[in-house]
PDB file of all heavy atoms in Angstrom:
ATOM      1  N   PHE A   1      96.527 105.500  96.044  1.00  0.00           N
ATOM      2  CA  PHE A   1      96.135 105.736  94.704  1.00  0.00           C
ATOM      3  C   PHE A   1      94.847 106.573  94.700  1.00  0.00           C
ATOM      4  O   PHE A   1      93.819 106.225  95.281  1.00  0.00           O
ATOM      5  CB  PHE A   1      95.912 104.459  93.976  1.00  0.00           C
ATOM      6  CG  PHE A   1      97.189 103.647  93.805  1.00  0.00           C
ATOM      7  CD1 PHE A   1      97.608 102.764  94.766  1.00  0.00           C
ATOM      8  CD2 PHE A   1      97.947 103.801  92.618  1.00  0.00           C
ATOM      9  CE1 PHE A   1      98.769 102.058  94.582  1.00  0.00           C
ATOM     10  CE2 PHE A   1      99.136 103.087  92.462  1.00  0.00           C
ATOM     11  CZ  PHE A   1      99.551 102.258  93.459  1.00  0.00           C
ATOM     12  N   SER A   2      94.940 107.759  94.020  1.00  0.00           N
ATOM     13  CA  SER A   2      93.936 108.773  94.254  1.00  0.00           C
ATOM     14  C   SER A   2      92.591 108.469  93.647  1.00  0.00           C
ATOM     15  O   SER A   2      91.582 108.971  94.140  1.00  0.00           O
ATOM     16  CB  SER A   2      94.454 110.133  93.636  1.00  0.00           C
ATOM     17  OG  SER A   2      94.636 109.984  92.237  1.00  0.00           O
ATOM     18  N   MET A   3      92.472 107.724  92.596  1.00  0.00           N
ATOM     19  CA  MET A   3      91.236 107.566  91.904  1.00  0.00           C
ATOM     20  C   MET A   3      90.334 106.542  92.606  1.00  0.00           C
ATOM     21  O   MET A   3      89.103 106.756  92.579  1.00  0.00           O
ATOM     22  CB  MET A   3      91.453 107.129  90.431  1.00  0.00           C
ATOM     23  CG  MET A   3      90.229 107.327  89.543  1.00  0.00           C
ATOM     24  SD  MET A   3      89.582 109.075  89.608  1.00  0.00           S
ATOM     25  CE  MET A   3      90.961 109.961  88.884  1.00  0.00           C
ATOM     26  N   ASP A   4      90.932 105.559  93.215  1.00  0.00           N
ATOM     27  CA  ASP A   4      90.057 104.496  93.897  1.00  0.00           C
ATOM     28  C   ASP A   4      90.201 104.545  95.421  1.00  0.00           C
ATOM     29  O   ASP A   4      89.503 103.853  96.098  1.00  0.00           O
ATOM     30  CB  ASP A   4      90.400 103.142  93.364  1.00  0.00           C
ATOM     31  CG  ASP A   4      89.911 102.857  91.953  1.00  0.00           C
ATOM     32  OD1 ASP A   4      88.731 103.119  91.773  1.00  0.00           O
ATOM     33  OD2 ASP A   4      90.725 102.488  91.092  1.00  0.00           O
ATOM     34  N   GLY A   5      91.187 105.353  95.929  1.00  0.00           N
ATOM     35  CA  GLY A   5      91.371 105.361  97.350  1.00  0.00           C
ATOM     36  C   GLY A   5      92.068 104.101  97.871  1.00  0.00           C
ATOM     37  O   GLY A   5      91.951 103.813  99.062  1.00  0.00           O
ATOM     38  N   ASP A   6      92.695 103.392  96.962  1.00  0.00           N
ATOM     39  CA  ASP A   6      93.417 102.110  97.370  1.00  0.00           C
ATOM     40  C   ASP A   6      94.763 102.468  98.031  1.00  0.00           C
ATOM     41  O   ASP A   6      95.435 103.512  97.644  1.00  0.00           O
ATOM     42  CB  ASP A   6      93.673 101.264  96.151  1.00  0.00           C
ATOM     43  CG  ASP A   6      92.379 100.659  95.604  1.00  0.00           C
ATOM     44  OD1 ASP A   6      91.460 100.464  96.404  1.00  0.00           O
ATOM     45  OD2 ASP A   6      92.295 100.320  94.436  1.00  0.00           O
ATOM     46  N   ILE A   7      95.208 101.660  98.925  1.00  0.00           N
ATOM     47  CA  ILE A   7      96.458 101.822  99.599  1.00  0.00           C
ATOM     48  C   ILE A   7      97.425 100.743  99.192  1.00  0.00           C
ATOM     49  O   ILE A   7      97.018  99.516  99.171  1.00  0.00           O
ATOM     50  CB  ILE A   7      96.348 101.832 101.149  1.00  0.00           C
ATOM     51  CG1 ILE A   7      95.451 103.059 101.527  1.00  0.00           C
ATOM     52  CG2 ILE A   7      97.647 101.871 101.855  1.00  0.00           C
ATOM     53  CD1 ILE A   7      95.028 103.134 102.989  1.00  0.00           C
ATOM     54  N   ALA A   8      98.624 101.093  98.770  1.00  0.00           N
ATOM     55  CA  ALA A   8      99.581 100.117  98.238  1.00  0.00           C
ATOM     56  C   ALA A   8      99.922  99.065  99.357  1.00  0.00           C
ATOM     57  O   ALA A   8      99.985  99.425 100.529  1.00  0.00           O
ATOM     58  CB  ALA A   8     100.833 100.812  97.803  1.00  0.00           C
ATOM     59  N   PRO A   9     100.150  97.797  98.998  1.00  0.00           N
ATOM     60  CA  PRO A   9     100.587  96.790 100.010  1.00  0.00           C
ATOM     61  C   PRO A   9     102.034  96.962 100.296  1.00  0.00           C
ATOM     62  O   PRO A   9     102.881  96.123  99.946  1.00  0.00           O
ATOM     63  CB  PRO A   9     100.253  95.473  99.267  1.00  0.00           C
ATOM     64  CG  PRO A   9     100.468  95.820  97.798  1.00  0.00           C
ATOM     65  CD  PRO A   9     100.043  97.249  97.626  1.00  0.00           C
ATOM     66  N   LEU A  10     102.404  98.037 101.104  1.00  0.00           N
ATOM     67  CA  LEU A  10     103.785  98.379 101.317  1.00  0.00           C
ATOM     68  C   LEU A  10     104.521  97.321 102.101  1.00  0.00           C
ATOM     69  O   LEU A  10     105.708  97.140 101.880  1.00  0.00           O
ATOM     70  CB  LEU A  10     103.838  99.761 102.040  1.00  0.00           C
ATOM     71  CG  LEU A  10     103.713 100.952 101.183  1.00  0.00           C
ATOM     72  CD1 LEU A  10     104.010 102.198 102.009  1.00  0.00           C
ATOM     73  CD2 LEU A  10     104.720 100.924 100.022  1.00  0.00           C
ATOM     74  N   ARG A  11     103.872  96.646 103.029  1.00  0.00           N
ATOM     75  CA  ARG A  11     104.553  95.621 103.797  1.00  0.00           C
ATOM     76  C   ARG A  11     105.160  94.549 102.857  1.00  0.00           C
ATOM     77  O   ARG A  11     106.367  94.200 102.926  1.00  0.00           O
ATOM     78  CB  ARG A  11     103.661  94.968 104.826  1.00  0.00           C
ATOM     79  CG  ARG A  11     103.182  95.868 105.932  1.00  0.00           C
ATOM     80  CD  ARG A  11     102.533  95.103 107.058  1.00  0.00           C
ATOM     81  NE  ARG A  11     101.891  95.937 108.040  1.00  0.00           N
ATOM     82  CZ  ARG A  11     100.606  96.226 108.133  1.00  0.00           C
ATOM     83  NH1 ARG A  11      99.767  95.653 107.199  1.00  0.00           N
ATOM     84  NH2 ARG A  11     100.109  97.033 109.057  1.00  0.00           N
ATOM     85  N   GLU A  12     104.303  94.088 101.964  1.00  0.00           N
ATOM     86  CA  GLU A  12     104.696  93.030 101.013  1.00  0.00           C
ATOM     87  C   GLU A  12     105.788  93.592 100.053  1.00  0.00           C
ATOM     88  O   GLU A  12     106.783  92.894  99.734  1.00  0.00           O
ATOM     89  CB  GLU A  12     103.580  92.495 100.232  1.00  0.00           C
ATOM     90  CG  GLU A  12     102.564  91.695 101.124  1.00  0.00           C
ATOM     91  CD  GLU A  12     101.579  92.590 101.855  1.00  0.00           C
ATOM     92  OE1 GLU A  12     101.670  93.815 101.787  1.00  0.00           O
ATOM     93  OE2 GLU A  12     100.693  92.035 102.609  1.00  0.00           O
ATOM     94  N   ILE A  13     105.622  94.836  99.594  1.00  0.00           N
ATOM     95  CA  ILE A  13     106.544  95.438  98.710  1.00  0.00           C
ATOM     96  C   ILE A  13     107.927  95.580  99.373  1.00  0.00           C
ATOM     97  O   ILE A  13     108.983  95.256  98.751  1.00  0.00           O
ATOM     98  CB  ILE A  13     106.052  96.831  98.195  1.00  0.00           C
ATOM     99  CG1 ILE A  13     104.872  96.613  97.299  1.00  0.00           C
ATOM    100  CG2 ILE A  13     107.112  97.624  97.570  1.00  0.00           C
ATOM    101  CD1 ILE A  13     104.183  97.970  96.937  1.00  0.00           C
ATOM    102  N   CYS A  14     107.949  95.962 100.628  1.00  0.00           N
ATOM    103  CA  CYS A  14     109.221  96.153 101.352  1.00  0.00           C
ATOM    104  C   CYS A  14     109.847  94.798 101.572  1.00  0.00           C
ATOM    105  O   CYS A  14     111.100  94.700 101.551  1.00  0.00           O
ATOM    106  CB  CYS A  14     108.988  96.848 102.638  1.00  0.00           C
ATOM    107  SG  CYS A  14     108.586  98.631 102.481  1.00  0.00           S
ATOM    108  N   GLN A  15     109.091  93.787 101.836  1.00  0.00           N
ATOM    109  CA  GLN A  15     109.606  92.435 101.969  1.00  0.00           C
ATOM    110  C   GLN A  15     110.330  91.949 100.736  1.00  0.00           C
ATOM    111  O   GLN A  15     111.419  91.401 100.754  1.00  0.00           O
ATOM    112  CB  GLN A  15     108.559  91.422 102.378  1.00  0.00           C
ATOM    113  CG  GLN A  15     108.069  91.590 103.874  1.00  0.00           C
ATOM    114  CD  GLN A  15     106.835  90.868 104.157  1.00  0.00           C
ATOM    115  OE1 GLN A  15     106.299  90.115 103.327  1.00  0.00           O
ATOM    116  NE2 GLN A  15     106.318  90.884 105.387  1.00  0.00           N
ATOM    117  N   LEU A  16     109.654  92.235  99.583  1.00  0.00           N
ATOM    118  CA  LEU A  16     110.283  91.808  98.285  1.00  0.00           C
ATOM    119  C   LEU A  16     111.543  92.576  97.958  1.00  0.00           C
ATOM    120  O   LEU A  16     112.558  92.087  97.492  1.00  0.00           O
ATOM    121  CB  LEU A  16     109.268  92.023  97.163  1.00  0.00           C
ATOM    122  CG  LEU A  16     108.147  90.932  97.033  1.00  0.00           C
ATOM    123  CD1 LEU A  16     107.133  91.339  96.004  1.00  0.00           C
ATOM    124  CD2 LEU A  16     108.817  89.559  96.675  1.00  0.00           C
ATOM    125  N   ALA A  17     111.468  93.926  98.355  1.00  0.00           N
ATOM    126  CA  ALA A  17     112.637  94.814  98.059  1.00  0.00           C
ATOM    127  C   ALA A  17     113.814  94.303  98.934  1.00  0.00           C
ATOM    128  O   ALA A  17     114.982  94.307  98.439  1.00  0.00           O
ATOM    129  CB  ALA A  17     112.285  96.258  98.445  1.00  0.00           C
ATOM    130  N   GLN A  18     113.559  93.943 100.166  1.00  0.00           N
ATOM    131  CA  GLN A  18     114.635  93.455 101.014  1.00  0.00           C
ATOM    132  C   GLN A  18     115.201  92.123 100.475  1.00  0.00           C
ATOM    133  O   GLN A  18     116.426  91.903 100.453  1.00  0.00           O
ATOM    134  CB  GLN A  18     114.077  93.224 102.445  1.00  0.00           C
ATOM    135  CG  GLN A  18     115.141  92.900 103.492  1.00  0.00           C
ATOM    136  CD  GLN A  18     114.662  92.987 104.877  1.00  0.00           C
ATOM    137  OE1 GLN A  18     113.365  92.909 105.099  1.00  0.00           O
ATOM    138  NE2 GLN A  18     115.455  93.154 105.905  1.00  0.00           N
ATOM    139  N   LYS A  19     114.340  91.271  99.981  1.00  0.00           N
ATOM    140  CA  LYS A  19     114.736  89.981  99.455  1.00  0.00           C
ATOM    141  C   LYS A  19     115.645  90.114  98.228  1.00  0.00           C
ATOM    142  O   LYS A  19     116.684  89.406  98.077  1.00  0.00           O
ATOM    143  CB  LYS A  19     113.517  89.125  99.084  1.00  0.00           C
ATOM    144  CG  LYS A  19     113.884  87.799  98.349  1.00  0.00           C
ATOM    145  CD  LYS A  19     112.584  87.036  98.039  1.00  0.00           C
ATOM    146  CE  LYS A  19     112.899  85.721  97.349  1.00  0.00           C
ATOM    147  NZ  LYS A  19     111.681  84.981  97.040  1.00  0.00           N
ATOM    148  N   TYR A  20     115.370  91.154  97.364  1.00  0.00           N
ATOM    149  CA  TYR A  20     116.091  91.353  96.152  1.00  0.00           C
ATOM    150  C   TYR A  20     117.055  92.518  96.228  1.00  0.00           C
ATOM    151  O   TYR A  20     117.548  93.002  95.213  1.00  0.00           O
ATOM    152  CB  TYR A  20     115.143  91.496  94.950  1.00  0.00           C
ATOM    153  CG  TYR A  20     114.435  90.251  94.687  1.00  0.00           C
ATOM    154  CD1 TYR A  20     113.029  90.108  95.047  1.00  0.00           C
ATOM    155  CD2 TYR A  20     115.009  89.164  94.005  1.00  0.00           C
ATOM    156  CE1 TYR A  20     112.381  88.923  94.838  1.00  0.00           C
ATOM    157  CE2 TYR A  20     114.330  87.976  93.763  1.00  0.00           C
ATOM    158  CZ  TYR A  20     113.012  87.855  94.150  1.00  0.00           C
ATOM    159  OH  TYR A  20     112.325  86.734  93.864  1.00  0.00           O
ATOM    160  N   ASP A  21     117.310  92.991  97.452  1.00  0.00           N
ATOM    161  CA  ASP A  21     118.258  94.079  97.712  1.00  0.00           C
ATOM    162  C   ASP A  21     117.945  95.331  96.877  1.00  0.00           C
ATOM    163  O   ASP A  21     118.780  95.836  96.092  1.00  0.00           O
ATOM    164  CB  ASP A  21     119.639  93.597  97.393  1.00  0.00           C
ATOM    165  CG  ASP A  21     120.748  94.593  97.953  1.00  0.00           C
ATOM    166  OD1 ASP A  21     120.425  95.324  98.903  1.00  0.00           O
ATOM    167  OD2 ASP A  21     121.855  94.600  97.409  1.00  0.00           O
ATOM    168  N   ALA A  22     116.689  95.767  96.934  1.00  0.00           N
ATOM    169  CA  ALA A  22     116.204  96.940  96.211  1.00  0.00           C
ATOM    170  C   ALA A  22     115.879  98.058  97.154  1.00  0.00           C
ATOM    171  O   ALA A  22     115.514  97.849  98.297  1.00  0.00           O
ATOM    172  CB  ALA A  22     115.032  96.614  95.320  1.00  0.00           C
ATOM    173  N   LEU A  23     115.901  99.305  96.633  1.00  0.00           N
ATOM    174  CA  LEU A  23     115.372 100.432  97.388  1.00  0.00           C
ATOM    175  C   LEU A  23     113.923 100.573  97.128  1.00  0.00           C
ATOM    176  O   LEU A  23     113.378 100.162  96.078  1.00  0.00           O
ATOM    177  CB  LEU A  23     116.069 101.702  96.906  1.00  0.00           C
ATOM    178  CG  LEU A  23     117.636 101.717  97.015  1.00  0.00           C
ATOM    179  CD1 LEU A  23     118.174 103.021  96.453  1.00  0.00           C
ATOM    180  CD2 LEU A  23     118.118 101.447  98.410  1.00  0.00           C
ATOM    181  N   VAL A  24     113.176 101.181  98.050  1.00  0.00           N
ATOM    182  CA  VAL A  24     111.728 101.477  97.874  1.00  0.00           C
ATOM    183  C   VAL A  24     111.496 102.953  97.813  1.00  0.00           C
ATOM    184  O   VAL A  24     111.928 103.752  98.685  1.00  0.00           O
ATOM    185  CB  VAL A  24     110.918 100.841  99.034  1.00  0.00           C
ATOM    186  CG1 VAL A  24     109.431 101.186  98.920  1.00  0.00           C
ATOM    187  CG2 VAL A  24     111.129  99.386  99.059  1.00  0.00           C
ATOM    188  N   PHE A  25     110.758 103.406  96.767  1.00  0.00           N
ATOM    189  CA  PHE A  25     110.383 104.786  96.551  1.00  0.00           C
ATOM    190  C   PHE A  25     108.857 104.855  96.595  1.00  0.00           C
ATOM    191  O   PHE A  25     108.199 104.110  95.871  1.00  0.00           O
ATOM    192  CB  PHE A  25     110.955 105.223  95.172  1.00  0.00           C
ATOM    193  CG  PHE A  25     110.379 106.554  94.670  1.00  0.00           C
ATOM    194  CD1 PHE A  25     111.143 107.681  94.841  1.00  0.00           C
ATOM    195  CD2 PHE A  25     109.168 106.616  94.029  1.00  0.00           C
ATOM    196  CE1 PHE A  25     110.590 108.897  94.356  1.00  0.00           C
ATOM    197  CE2 PHE A  25     108.665 107.810  93.580  1.00  0.00           C
ATOM    198  CZ  PHE A  25     109.372 108.967  93.741  1.00  0.00           C
ATOM    199  N   ILE A  26     108.314 105.792  97.406  1.00  0.00           N
ATOM    200  CA  ILE A  26     106.851 105.930  97.376  1.00  0.00           C
ATOM    201  C   ILE A  26     106.478 107.395  97.076  1.00  0.00           C
ATOM    202  O   ILE A  26     107.111 108.327  97.566  1.00  0.00           O
ATOM    203  CB  ILE A  26     106.227 105.469  98.668  1.00  0.00           C
ATOM    204  CG1 ILE A  26     106.755 106.165  99.884  1.00  0.00           C
ATOM    205  CG2 ILE A  26     106.277 103.963  98.791  1.00  0.00           C
ATOM    206  CD1 ILE A  26     105.997 105.795 101.173  1.00  0.00           C
ATOM    207  N   ASP A  27     105.427 107.567  96.302  1.00  0.00           N
ATOM    208  CA  ASP A  27     104.827 108.892  96.053  1.00  0.00           C
ATOM    209  C   ASP A  27     103.661 109.048  97.069  1.00  0.00           C
ATOM    210  O   ASP A  27     102.728 108.219  97.011  1.00  0.00           O
ATOM    211  CB  ASP A  27     104.325 108.961  94.593  1.00  0.00           C
ATOM    212  CG  ASP A  27     103.747 110.353  94.290  1.00  0.00           C
ATOM    213  OD1 ASP A  27     103.090 110.954  95.147  1.00  0.00           O
ATOM    214  OD2 ASP A  27     103.980 110.809  93.158  1.00  0.00           O
ATOM    215  N   GLU A  28     103.774 110.019  97.902  1.00  0.00           N
ATOM    216  CA  GLU A  28     102.882 110.182  99.028  1.00  0.00           C
ATOM    217  C   GLU A  28     101.952 111.398  98.906  1.00  0.00           C
ATOM    218  O   GLU A  28     101.400 111.876  99.869  1.00  0.00           O
ATOM    219  CB  GLU A  28     103.628 110.342 100.319  1.00  0.00           C
ATOM    220  CG  GLU A  28     104.267 109.047 100.828  1.00  0.00           C
ATOM    221  CD  GLU A  28     103.272 108.102 101.438  1.00  0.00           C
ATOM    222  OE1 GLU A  28     102.565 107.447 100.637  1.00  0.00           O
ATOM    223  OE2 GLU A  28     103.164 108.028 102.595  1.00  0.00           O
ATOM    224  N   CYS A  29     101.721 111.835  97.647  1.00  0.00           N
ATOM    225  CA  CYS A  29     100.941 113.064  97.454  1.00  0.00           C
ATOM    226  C   CYS A  29      99.509 112.888  97.960  1.00  0.00           C
ATOM    227  O   CYS A  29      98.873 113.914  98.428  1.00  0.00           O
ATOM    228  CB  CYS A  29     100.878 113.382  95.946  1.00  0.00           C
ATOM    229  SG  CYS A  29     102.367 114.036  95.308  1.00  0.00           S
ATOM    230  N   HIS A  30      98.994 111.723  98.008  1.00  0.00           N
ATOM    231  CA  HIS A  30      97.580 111.434  98.536  1.00  0.00           C
ATOM    232  C   HIS A  30      97.652 110.719  99.855  1.00  0.00           C
ATOM    233  O   HIS A  30      96.724 110.017 100.229  1.00  0.00           O
ATOM    234  CB  HIS A  30      96.795 110.648  97.538  1.00  0.00           C
ATOM    235  CG  HIS A  30      96.560 111.405  96.204  1.00  0.00           C
ATOM    236  ND1 HIS A  30      97.403 111.331  95.178  1.00  0.00           N
ATOM    237  CD2 HIS A  30      95.591 112.327  95.898  1.00  0.00           C
ATOM    238  CE1 HIS A  30      96.954 112.095  94.227  1.00  0.00           C
ATOM    239  NE2 HIS A  30      95.928 112.731  94.640  1.00  0.00           N
ATOM    240  N   ALA A  31      98.704 110.965 100.645  1.00  0.00           N
ATOM    241  CA  ALA A  31      98.792 110.384 101.977  1.00  0.00           C
ATOM    242  C   ALA A  31      99.422 111.287 102.997  1.00  0.00           C
ATOM    243  O   ALA A  31      99.081 111.229 104.213  1.00  0.00           O
ATOM    244  CB  ALA A  31      99.622 109.111 101.880  1.00  0.00           C
ATOM    245  N   THR A  32     100.297 112.191 102.582  1.00  0.00           N
ATOM    246  CA  THR A  32     100.993 113.087 103.518  1.00  0.00           C
ATOM    247  C   THR A  32     100.010 113.989 104.298  1.00  0.00           C
ATOM    248  O   THR A  32      99.132 114.604 103.689  1.00  0.00           O
ATOM    249  CB  THR A  32     101.950 114.025 102.790  1.00  0.00           C
ATOM    250  OG1 THR A  32     102.916 113.193 102.102  1.00  0.00           O
ATOM    251  CG2 THR A  32     102.743 114.973 103.704  1.00  0.00           C
ATOM    252  N   GLY A  33     100.109 113.971 105.607  1.00  0.00           N
ATOM    253  CA  GLY A  33      99.367 114.830 106.414  1.00  0.00           C
ATOM    254  C   GLY A  33      98.115 114.235 107.061  1.00  0.00           C
ATOM    255  O   GLY A  33      97.599 114.842 107.966  1.00  0.00           O
ATOM    256  N   PHE A  34      97.742 113.010 106.633  1.00  0.00           N
ATOM    257  CA  PHE A  34      96.495 112.481 107.185  1.00  0.00           C
ATOM    258  C   PHE A  34      96.465 110.979 107.320  1.00  0.00           C
ATOM    259  O   PHE A  34      95.742 110.488 108.183  1.00  0.00           O
ATOM    260  CB  PHE A  34      95.230 112.970 106.404  1.00  0.00           C
ATOM    261  CG  PHE A  34      95.329 112.672 104.914  1.00  0.00           C
ATOM    262  CD1 PHE A  34      94.887 111.506 104.346  1.00  0.00           C
ATOM    263  CD2 PHE A  34      95.909 113.625 104.051  1.00  0.00           C
ATOM    264  CE1 PHE A  34      94.965 111.246 103.038  1.00  0.00           C
ATOM    265  CE2 PHE A  34      95.982 113.350 102.700  1.00  0.00           C
ATOM    266  CZ  PHE A  34      95.504 112.181 102.172  1.00  0.00           C
ATOM    267  N   LEU A  35      97.218 110.226 106.540  1.00  0.00           N
ATOM    268  CA  LEU A  35      97.249 108.767 106.757  1.00  0.00           C
ATOM    269  C   LEU A  35      98.188 108.414 107.848  1.00  0.00           C
ATOM    270  O   LEU A  35      99.349 109.098 107.930  1.00  0.00           O
ATOM    271  CB  LEU A  35      97.622 108.036 105.472  1.00  0.00           C
ATOM    272  CG  LEU A  35      96.529 107.940 104.407  1.00  0.00           C
ATOM    273  CD1 LEU A  35      96.968 107.009 103.319  1.00  0.00           C
ATOM    274  CD2 LEU A  35      95.227 107.402 104.958  1.00  0.00           C
ATOM    275  N   GLY A  36      97.901 107.467 108.639  1.00  0.00           N
ATOM    276  CA  GLY A  36      98.752 107.037 109.766  1.00  0.00           C
ATOM    277  C   GLY A  36      98.305 107.744 111.062  1.00  0.00           C
ATOM    278  O   GLY A  36      97.683 108.758 111.005  1.00  0.00           O
ATOM    279  N   PRO A  37      98.708 107.174 112.209  1.00  0.00           N
ATOM    280  CA  PRO A  37      98.294 107.799 113.463  1.00  0.00           C
ATOM    281  C   PRO A  37      98.654 109.219 113.668  1.00  0.00           C
ATOM    282  O   PRO A  37      97.944 109.924 114.329  1.00  0.00           O
ATOM    283  CB  PRO A  37      98.975 106.794 114.524  1.00  0.00           C
ATOM    284  CG  PRO A  37      99.211 105.555 113.760  1.00  0.00           C
ATOM    285  CD  PRO A  37      99.482 105.921 112.329  1.00  0.00           C
ATOM    286  N   ASN A  38      99.782 109.594 113.089  1.00  0.00           N
ATOM    287  CA  ASN A  38     100.236 110.964 113.222  1.00  0.00           C
ATOM    288  C   ASN A  38     100.275 111.731 111.902  1.00  0.00           C
ATOM    289  O   ASN A  38     100.812 112.822 111.808  1.00  0.00           O
ATOM    290  CB  ASN A  38     101.676 111.010 113.806  1.00  0.00           C
ATOM    291  CG  ASN A  38     101.698 110.361 115.224  1.00  0.00           C
ATOM    292  OD1 ASN A  38     101.125 110.966 116.137  1.00  0.00           O
ATOM    293  ND2 ASN A  38     102.369 109.183 115.360  1.00  0.00           N
ATOM    294  N   GLY A  39      99.666 111.141 110.926  1.00  0.00           N
ATOM    295  CA  GLY A  39      99.590 111.867 109.579  1.00  0.00           C
ATOM    296  C   GLY A  39     100.873 111.784 108.800  1.00  0.00           C
ATOM    297  O   GLY A  39     101.074 112.605 107.969  1.00  0.00           O
TER     298      GLY A  39
END
């Protein structure tokens, strides 16, 4: 989230999505290219 620099709790979100048989969609405009070991 761009205004506060917060990172979504994706692990927990994905666990809930799996529990309820849902797909997960993420907007990565403020993460692509630099977050994660390989960006």
